[in-house]
Amino acid sequence: FKPGDLVAVAAHHILIEEVDLNPESTQYAYGVVVENIKGDTLLALFPQVAVYVFRNSTVEHHWPSYLKVVSSRR
């Protein structure tokens, strides 16, 4: 994932009572990958991608397995 990529963030469970792991029930929130600005230079055991999510207007960190590139920045 590169900064500027438009991604879909998979949200398998909107409400905890309605957990359904079928691919058809997956809902997506959309956002843009942003530069991850942190002071540490350590290698993360479970790396995450910083995404500005349009729905929440916030930067969130997600595991790559929950992201799907919709449009890549060249």
PDB file of N, CA and C in Angstrom:
ATOM      1  N   PHE A   1       0.841  -1.179   0.000  1.00  0.00           N
ATOM      2  CA  PHE A   1       0.000   0.000   0.000  1.00  0.00           C
ATOM      3  C   PHE A   1       0.883   1.238   0.000  1.00  0.00           C
ATOM      4  N   LYS A   2       0.529   2.196  -0.853  1.00  0.00           N
ATOM      5  CA  LYS A   2       1.296   3.437  -0.951  1.00  0.00           C
ATOM      6  C   LYS A   2       0.403   4.606  -0.554  1.00  0.00           C
ATOM      7  N   PRO A   3       0.995   5.645   0.038  1.00  0.00           N
ATOM      8  CA  PRO A   3       0.195   6.846   0.342  1.00  0.00           C
ATOM      9  C   PRO A   3      -0.488   7.354  -0.930  1.00  0.00           C
ATOM     10  N   GLY A   4      -1.769   7.644  -0.810  1.00  0.00           N
ATOM     11  CA  GLY A   4      -2.543   8.112  -1.947  1.00  0.00           C
ATOM     12  C   GLY A   4      -3.440   7.046  -2.556  1.00  0.00           C
ATOM     13  N   ASP A   5      -3.229   5.777  -2.199  1.00  0.00           N
ATOM     14  CA  ASP A   5      -4.090   4.708  -2.705  1.00  0.00           C
ATOM     15  C   ASP A   5      -5.488   4.836  -2.107  1.00  0.00           C
ATOM     16  N   LEU A   6      -6.515   4.691  -2.953  1.00  0.00           N
ATOM     17  CA  LEU A   6      -7.899   4.639  -2.486  1.00  0.00           C
ATOM     18  C   LEU A   6      -8.183   3.199  -2.113  1.00  0.00           C
ATOM     19  N   VAL A   7      -8.631   2.955  -0.879  1.00  0.00           N
ATOM     20  CA  VAL A   7      -8.849   1.593  -0.405  1.00  0.00           C
ATOM     21  C   VAL A   7     -10.253   1.430   0.161  1.00  0.00           C
ATOM     22  N   ALA A   8     -10.707   0.190   0.155  1.00  0.00           N
ATOM     23  CA  ALA A   8     -11.951  -0.193   0.816  1.00  0.00           C
ATOM     24  C   ALA A   8     -11.560  -0.961   2.067  1.00  0.00           C
ATOM     25  N   VAL A   9     -12.094  -0.546   3.209  1.00  0.00           N
ATOM     26  CA  VAL A   9     -11.812  -1.187   4.482  1.00  0.00           C
ATOM     27  C   VAL A   9     -12.974  -2.123   4.800  1.00  0.00           C
ATOM     28  N   ALA A  10     -12.695  -3.422   4.927  1.00  0.00           N
ATOM     29  CA  ALA A  10     -13.738  -4.401   5.218  1.00  0.00           C
ATOM     30  C   ALA A  10     -14.207  -4.253   6.651  1.00  0.00           C
ATOM     31  N   ALA A  11     -15.518  -4.219   6.813  1.00  0.00           N
ATOM     32  CA  ALA A  11     -16.130  -4.152   8.142  1.00  0.00           C
ATOM     33  C   ALA A  11     -17.072  -5.346   8.248  1.00  0.00           C
ATOM     34  N   HIS A  12     -16.568  -6.451   8.793  1.00  0.00           N
ATOM     35  CA  HIS A  12     -17.375  -7.668   8.870  1.00  0.00           C
ATOM     36  C   HIS A  12     -18.480  -7.572   9.900  1.00  0.00           C
ATOM     37  N   HIS A  13     -18.273  -6.771  10.928  1.00  0.00           N
ATOM     38  CA  HIS A  13     -19.287  -6.684  11.965  1.00  0.00           C
ATOM     39  C   HIS A  13     -19.578  -5.222  12.288  1.00  0.00           C
ATOM     40  N   ILE A  14     -20.732  -4.758  11.863  1.00  0.00           N
ATOM     41  CA  ILE A  14     -21.147  -3.398  12.166  1.00  0.00           C
ATOM     42  C   ILE A  14     -21.612  -3.332  13.616  1.00  0.00           C
ATOM     43  N   LEU A  15     -22.440  -4.292  14.018  1.00  0.00           N
ATOM     44  CA  LEU A  15     -22.864  -4.421  15.414  1.00  0.00           C
ATOM     45  C   LEU A  15     -22.425  -5.803  15.890  1.00  0.00           C
ATOM     46  N   ILE A  16     -21.970  -5.892  17.113  1.00  0.00           N
ATOM     47  CA  ILE A  16     -21.441  -7.155  17.617  1.00  0.00           C
ATOM     48  C   ILE A  16     -22.496  -8.263  17.610  1.00  0.00           C
ATOM     49  N   GLU A  17     -23.783  -7.916  17.687  1.00  0.00           N
ATOM     50  CA  GLU A  17     -24.840  -8.916  17.677  1.00  0.00           C
ATOM     51  C   GLU A  17     -25.050  -9.498  16.287  1.00  0.00           C
ATOM     52  N   GLU A  18     -24.583  -8.825  15.265  1.00  0.00           N
ATOM     53  CA  GLU A  18     -24.845  -9.251  13.890  1.00  0.00           C
ATOM     54  C   GLU A  18     -23.579  -9.732  13.195  1.00  0.00           C
ATOM     55  N   VAL A  19     -22.792 -10.534  13.860  1.00  0.00           N
ATOM     56  CA  VAL A  19     -21.561 -11.041  13.249  1.00  0.00           C
ATOM     57  C   VAL A  19     -21.922 -12.060  12.182  1.00  0.00           C
ATOM     58  N   ASP A  20     -21.497 -11.796  10.968  1.00  0.00           N
ATOM     59  CA  ASP A  20     -21.755 -12.690   9.850  1.00  0.00           C
ATOM     60  C   ASP A  20     -20.529 -12.637   8.947  1.00  0.00           C
ATOM     61  N   LEU A  21     -19.792 -13.738   8.850  1.00  0.00           N
ATOM     62  CA  LEU A  21     -18.532 -13.736   8.121  1.00  0.00           C
ATOM     63  C   LEU A  21     -18.672 -14.145   6.661  1.00  0.00           C
ATOM     64  N   ASN A  22     -19.873 -14.199   6.135  1.00  0.00           N
ATOM     65  CA  ASN A  22     -20.057 -14.502   4.714  1.00  0.00           C
ATOM     66  C   ASN A  22     -19.516 -13.351   3.872  1.00  0.00           C
ATOM     67  N   PRO A  23     -18.829 -13.654   2.762  1.00  0.00           N
ATOM     68  CA  PRO A  23     -18.299 -12.573   1.913  1.00  0.00           C
ATOM     69  C   PRO A  23     -19.377 -11.626   1.400  1.00  0.00           C
ATOM     70  N   GLU A  24     -20.600 -12.143   1.212  1.00  0.00           N
ATOM     71  CA  GLU A  24     -21.682 -11.297   0.711  1.00  0.00           C
ATOM     72  C   GLU A  24     -22.130 -10.265   1.738  1.00  0.00           C
ATOM     73  N   SER A  25     -21.901 -10.550   3.021  1.00  0.00           N
ATOM     74  CA  SER A  25     -22.362  -9.638   4.063  1.00  0.00           C
ATOM     75  C   SER A  25     -21.321  -8.588   4.437  1.00  0.00           C
ATOM     76  N   THR A  26     -20.145  -8.648   3.833  1.00  0.00           N
ATOM     77  CA  THR A  26     -19.091  -7.693   4.152  1.00  0.00           C
ATOM     78  C   THR A  26     -19.458  -6.311   3.639  1.00  0.00           C
ATOM     79  N   GLN A  27     -19.378  -5.320   4.515  1.00  0.00           N
ATOM     80  CA  GLN A  27     -19.608  -3.938   4.128  1.00  0.00           C
ATOM     81  C   GLN A  27     -18.263  -3.228   4.123  1.00  0.00           C
ATOM     82  N   TYR A  28     -18.159  -2.182   3.336  1.00  0.00           N
ATOM     83  CA  TYR A  28     -16.890  -1.479   3.199  1.00  0.00           C
ATOM     84  C   TYR A  28     -17.034  -0.006   3.541  1.00  0.00           C
ATOM     85  N   ALA A  29     -15.984   0.515   4.167  1.00  0.00           N
ATOM     86  CA  ALA A  29     -15.820   1.955   4.343  1.00  0.00           C
ATOM     87  C   ALA A  29     -14.654   2.325   3.438  1.00  0.00           C
ATOM     88  N   TYR A  30     -14.682   3.487   2.856  1.00  0.00           N
ATOM     89  CA  TYR A  30     -13.642   3.879   1.910  1.00  0.00           C
ATOM     90  C   TYR A  30     -12.737   4.943   2.500  1.00  0.00           C
ATOM     91  N   GLY A  31     -11.491   4.929   2.061  1.00  0.00           N
ATOM     92  CA  GLY A  31     -10.532   5.892   2.564  1.00  0.00           C
ATOM     93  C   GLY A  31      -9.296   5.958   1.694  1.00  0.00           C
ATOM     94  N   VAL A  32      -8.345   6.767   2.116  1.00  0.00           N
ATOM     95  CA  VAL A  32      -7.093   6.968   1.398  1.00  0.00           C
ATOM     96  C   VAL A  32      -5.940   6.622   2.331  1.00  0.00           C
ATOM     97  N   VAL A  33      -4.974   5.863   1.804  1.00  0.00           N
ATOM     98  CA  VAL A  33      -3.784   5.533   2.585  1.00  0.00           C
ATOM     99  C   VAL A  33      -2.973   6.804   2.784  1.00  0.00           C
ATOM    100  N   VAL A  34      -2.579   7.051   4.025  1.00  0.00           N
ATOM    101  CA  VAL A  34      -1.780   8.230   4.343  1.00  0.00           C
ATOM    102  C   VAL A  34      -0.431   7.793   4.891  1.00  0.00           C
ATOM    103  N   GLU A  35       0.493   8.718   4.925  1.00  0.00           N
ATOM    104  CA  GLU A  35       1.825   8.456   5.468  1.00  0.00           C
ATOM    105  C   GLU A  35       1.701   8.184   6.959  1.00  0.00           C
ATOM    106  N   ASN A  36       2.291   7.097   7.398  1.00  0.00           N
ATOM    107  CA  ASN A  36       2.255   6.746   8.817  1.00  0.00           C
ATOM    108  C   ASN A  36       3.377   7.486   9.522  1.00  0.00           C
ATOM    109  N   ILE A  37       3.025   8.512  10.293  1.00  0.00           N
ATOM    110  CA  ILE A  37       4.032   9.353  10.950  1.00  0.00           C
ATOM    111  C   ILE A  37       4.115   8.953  12.413  1.00  0.00           C
ATOM    112  N   LYS A  38       5.154   8.214  12.728  1.00  0.00           N
ATOM    113  CA  LYS A  38       5.411   7.818  14.111  1.00  0.00           C
ATOM    114  C   LYS A  38       6.891   8.024  14.373  1.00  0.00           C
ATOM    115  N   GLY A  39       7.238   8.256  15.605  1.00  0.00           N
ATOM    116  CA  GLY A  39       8.617   8.515  15.963  1.00  0.00           C
ATOM    117  C   GLY A  39       9.483   7.276  16.050  1.00  0.00           C
ATOM    118  N   ASP A  40       8.846   6.088  16.127  1.00  0.00           N
ATOM    119  CA  ASP A  40       9.645   4.882  16.283  1.00  0.00           C
ATOM    120  C   ASP A  40      10.117   4.343  14.944  1.00  0.00           C
ATOM    121  N   THR A  41      11.248   3.696  14.962  1.00  0.00           N
ATOM    122  CA  THR A  41      11.799   3.098  13.753  1.00  0.00           C
ATOM    123  C   THR A  41      11.897   1.585  13.899  1.00  0.00           C
ATOM    124  N   LEU A  42      11.224   1.025  14.905  1.00  0.00           N
ATOM    125  CA  LEU A  42      11.249  -0.408  15.122  1.00  0.00           C
ATOM    126  C   LEU A  42      10.376  -1.123  14.106  1.00  0.00           C
ATOM    127  N   LEU A  43      10.729  -2.346  13.807  1.00  0.00           N
ATOM    128  CA  LEU A  43       9.941  -3.168  12.913  1.00  0.00           C
ATOM    129  C   LEU A  43       8.730  -3.697  13.684  1.00  0.00           C
ATOM    130  N   ALA A  44       7.547  -3.447  13.186  1.00  0.00           N
ATOM    131  CA  ALA A  44       6.327  -3.858  13.881  1.00  0.00           C
ATOM    132  C   ALA A  44       6.072  -5.348  13.660  1.00  0.00           C
ATOM    133  N   LEU A  45       5.670  -6.038  14.711  1.00  0.00           N
ATOM    134  CA  LEU A  45       5.351  -7.454  14.607  1.00  0.00           C
ATOM    135  C   LEU A  45       4.087  -7.658  13.775  1.00  0.00           C
ATOM    136  N   PHE A  46       3.100  -6.801  13.988  1.00  0.00           N
ATOM    137  CA  PHE A  46       1.866  -6.833  13.221  1.00  0.00           C
ATOM    138  C   PHE A  46       1.699  -5.468  12.562  1.00  0.00           C
ATOM    139  N   PRO A  47       2.300  -5.252  11.382  1.00  0.00           N
ATOM    140  CA  PRO A  47       2.238  -3.928  10.752  1.00  0.00           C
ATOM    141  C   PRO A  47       0.816  -3.548  10.356  1.00  0.00           C
ATOM    142  N   GLN A  48       0.529  -2.268  10.485  1.00  0.00           N
ATOM    143  CA  GLN A  48      -0.773  -1.743  10.111  1.00  0.00           C
ATOM    144  C   GLN A  48      -0.599  -0.592   9.140  1.00  0.00           C
ATOM    145  N   VAL A  49      -1.643  -0.327   8.389  1.00  0.00           N
ATOM    146  CA  VAL A  49      -1.645   0.725   7.383  1.00  0.00           C
ATOM    147  C   VAL A  49      -2.501   1.878   7.902  1.00  0.00           C
ATOM    148  N   ALA A  50      -1.980   3.103   7.829  1.00  0.00           N
ATOM    149  CA  ALA A  50      -2.739   4.282   8.243  1.00  0.00           C
ATOM    150  C   ALA A  50      -3.662   4.695   7.098  1.00  0.00           C
ATOM    151  N   VAL A  51      -4.954   4.793   7.395  1.00  0.00           N
ATOM    152  CA  VAL A  51      -5.964   5.115   6.381  1.00  0.00           C
ATOM    153  C   VAL A  51      -6.838   6.251   6.905  1.00  0.00           C
ATOM    154  N   TYR A  52      -6.987   7.303   6.081  1.00  0.00           N
ATOM    155  CA  TYR A  52      -7.953   8.352   6.396  1.00  0.00           C
ATOM    156  C   TYR A  52      -9.297   7.846   5.894  1.00  0.00           C
ATOM    157  N   VAL A  53     -10.217   7.544   6.826  1.00  0.00           N
ATOM    158  CA  VAL A  53     -11.520   6.982   6.488  1.00  0.00           C
ATOM    159  C   VAL A  53     -12.510   8.126   6.305  1.00  0.00           C
ATOM    160  N   PHE A  54     -13.143   8.168   5.132  1.00  0.00           N
ATOM    161  CA  PHE A  54     -14.060   9.259   4.809  1.00  0.00           C
ATOM    162  C   PHE A  54     -15.262   9.291   5.746  1.00  0.00           C
ATOM    163  N   ARG A  55     -15.821   8.122   6.075  1.00  0.00           N
ATOM    164  CA  ARG A  55     -17.035   8.061   6.887  1.00  0.00           C
ATOM    165  C   ARG A  55     -16.830   8.675   8.270  1.00  0.00           C
ATOM    166  N   ASN A  56     -15.651   8.449   8.866  1.00  0.00           N
ATOM    167  CA  ASN A  56     -15.378   8.939  10.217  1.00  0.00           C
ATOM    168  C   ASN A  56     -14.576  10.236  10.241  1.00  0.00           C
ATOM    169  N   SER A  57     -14.003  10.603   9.111  1.00  0.00           N
ATOM    170  CA  SER A  57     -13.118  11.772   9.016  1.00  0.00           C
ATOM    171  C   SER A  57     -11.960  11.678  10.009  1.00  0.00           C
ATOM    172  N   THR A  58     -11.424  10.472  10.152  1.00  0.00           N
ATOM    173  CA  THR A  58     -10.298  10.247  11.058  1.00  0.00           C
ATOM    174  C   THR A  58      -9.279   9.326  10.401  1.00  0.00           C
ATOM    175  N   VAL A  59      -8.064   9.346  10.931  1.00  0.00           N
ATOM    176  CA  VAL A  59      -7.035   8.415  10.491  1.00  0.00           C
ATOM    177  C   VAL A  59      -7.101   7.197  11.403  1.00  0.00           C
ATOM    178  N   GLU A  60      -7.266   6.029  10.781  1.00  0.00           N
ATOM    179  CA  GLU A  60      -7.335   4.778  11.522  1.00  0.00           C
ATOM    180  C   GLU A  60      -6.231   3.857  11.022  1.00  0.00           C
ATOM    181  N   HIS A  61      -5.811   2.939  11.865  1.00  0.00           N
ATOM    182  CA  HIS A  61      -4.797   1.960  11.493  1.00  0.00           C
ATOM    183  C   HIS A  61      -5.461   0.600  11.323  1.00  0.00           C
ATOM    184  N   HIS A  62      -5.255  -0.017  10.141  1.00  0.00           N
ATOM    185  CA  HIS A  62      -5.887  -1.295   9.821  1.00  0.00           C
ATOM    186  C   HIS A  62      -4.843  -2.289   9.349  1.00  0.00           C
ATOM    187  N   TRP A  63      -5.099  -3.579   9.618  1.00  0.00           N
ATOM    188  CA  TRP A  63      -4.238  -4.628   9.099  1.00  0.00           C
ATOM    189  C   TRP A  63      -4.468  -4.754   7.607  1.00  0.00           C
ATOM    190  N   PRO A  64      -3.427  -5.050   6.854  1.00  0.00           N
ATOM    191  CA  PRO A  64      -3.553  -5.153   5.396  1.00  0.00           C
ATOM    192  C   PRO A  64      -4.600  -6.167   4.929  1.00  0.00           C
ATOM    193  N   SER A  65      -4.866  -7.198   5.709  1.00  0.00           N
ATOM    194  CA  SER A  65      -5.844  -8.205   5.291  1.00  0.00           C
ATOM    195  C   SER A  65      -7.265  -7.652   5.232  1.00  0.00           C
ATOM    196  N   TYR A  66      -7.520  -6.519   5.885  1.00  0.00           N
ATOM    197  CA  TYR A  66      -8.847  -5.899   5.856  1.00  0.00           C
ATOM    198  C   TYR A  66      -8.975  -4.843   4.762  1.00  0.00           C
ATOM    199  N   LEU A  67      -7.918  -4.633   3.981  1.00  0.00           N
ATOM    200  CA  LEU A  67      -7.927  -3.585   2.971  1.00  0.00           C
ATOM    201  C   LEU A  67      -7.936  -4.164   1.561  1.00  0.00           C
ATOM    202  N   LYS A  68      -8.604  -3.461   0.668  1.00  0.00           N
ATOM    203  CA  LYS A  68      -8.619  -3.816  -0.741  1.00  0.00           C
ATOM    204  C   LYS A  68      -8.386  -2.529  -1.530  1.00  0.00           C
ATOM    205  N   VAL A  69      -7.388  -2.529  -2.416  1.00  0.00           N
ATOM    206  CA  VAL A  69      -7.086  -1.340  -3.211  1.00  0.00           C
ATOM    207  C   VAL A  69      -8.165  -1.175  -4.283  1.00  0.00           C
ATOM    208  N   VAL A  70      -8.785   0.002  -4.287  1.00  0.00           N
ATOM    209  CA  VAL A  70      -9.799   0.336  -5.285  1.00  0.00           C
ATOM    210  C   VAL A  70      -9.127   1.041  -6.457  1.00  0.00           C
ATOM    211  N   SER A  71      -8.245   1.976  -6.146  1.00  0.00           N
ATOM    212  CA  SER A  71      -7.512   2.723  -7.170  1.00  0.00           C
ATOM    213  C   SER A  71      -6.134   3.040  -6.628  1.00  0.00           C
ATOM    214  N   SER A  72      -5.113   2.651  -7.373  1.00  0.00           N
ATOM    215  CA  SER A  72      -3.749   2.852  -6.919  1.00  0.00           C
ATOM    216  C   SER A  72      -3.173   4.145  -7.462  1.00  0.00           C
ATOM    217  N   ARG A  73      -2.435   4.820  -6.603  1.00  0.00           N
ATOM    218  CA  ARG A  73      -1.716   6.016  -7.038  1.00  0.00           C
ATOM    219  C   ARG A  73      -0.505   5.549  -7.828  1.00  0.00           C
ATOM    220  N   ARG A  74      -0.271   6.135  -8.944  1.00  0.00           N
ATOM    221  CA  ARG A  74       0.849   5.682  -9.795  1.00  0.00           C
ATOM    222  C   ARG A  74       2.147   6.259  -9.381  1.00  0.00           C
TER     223      ARG A  74
END
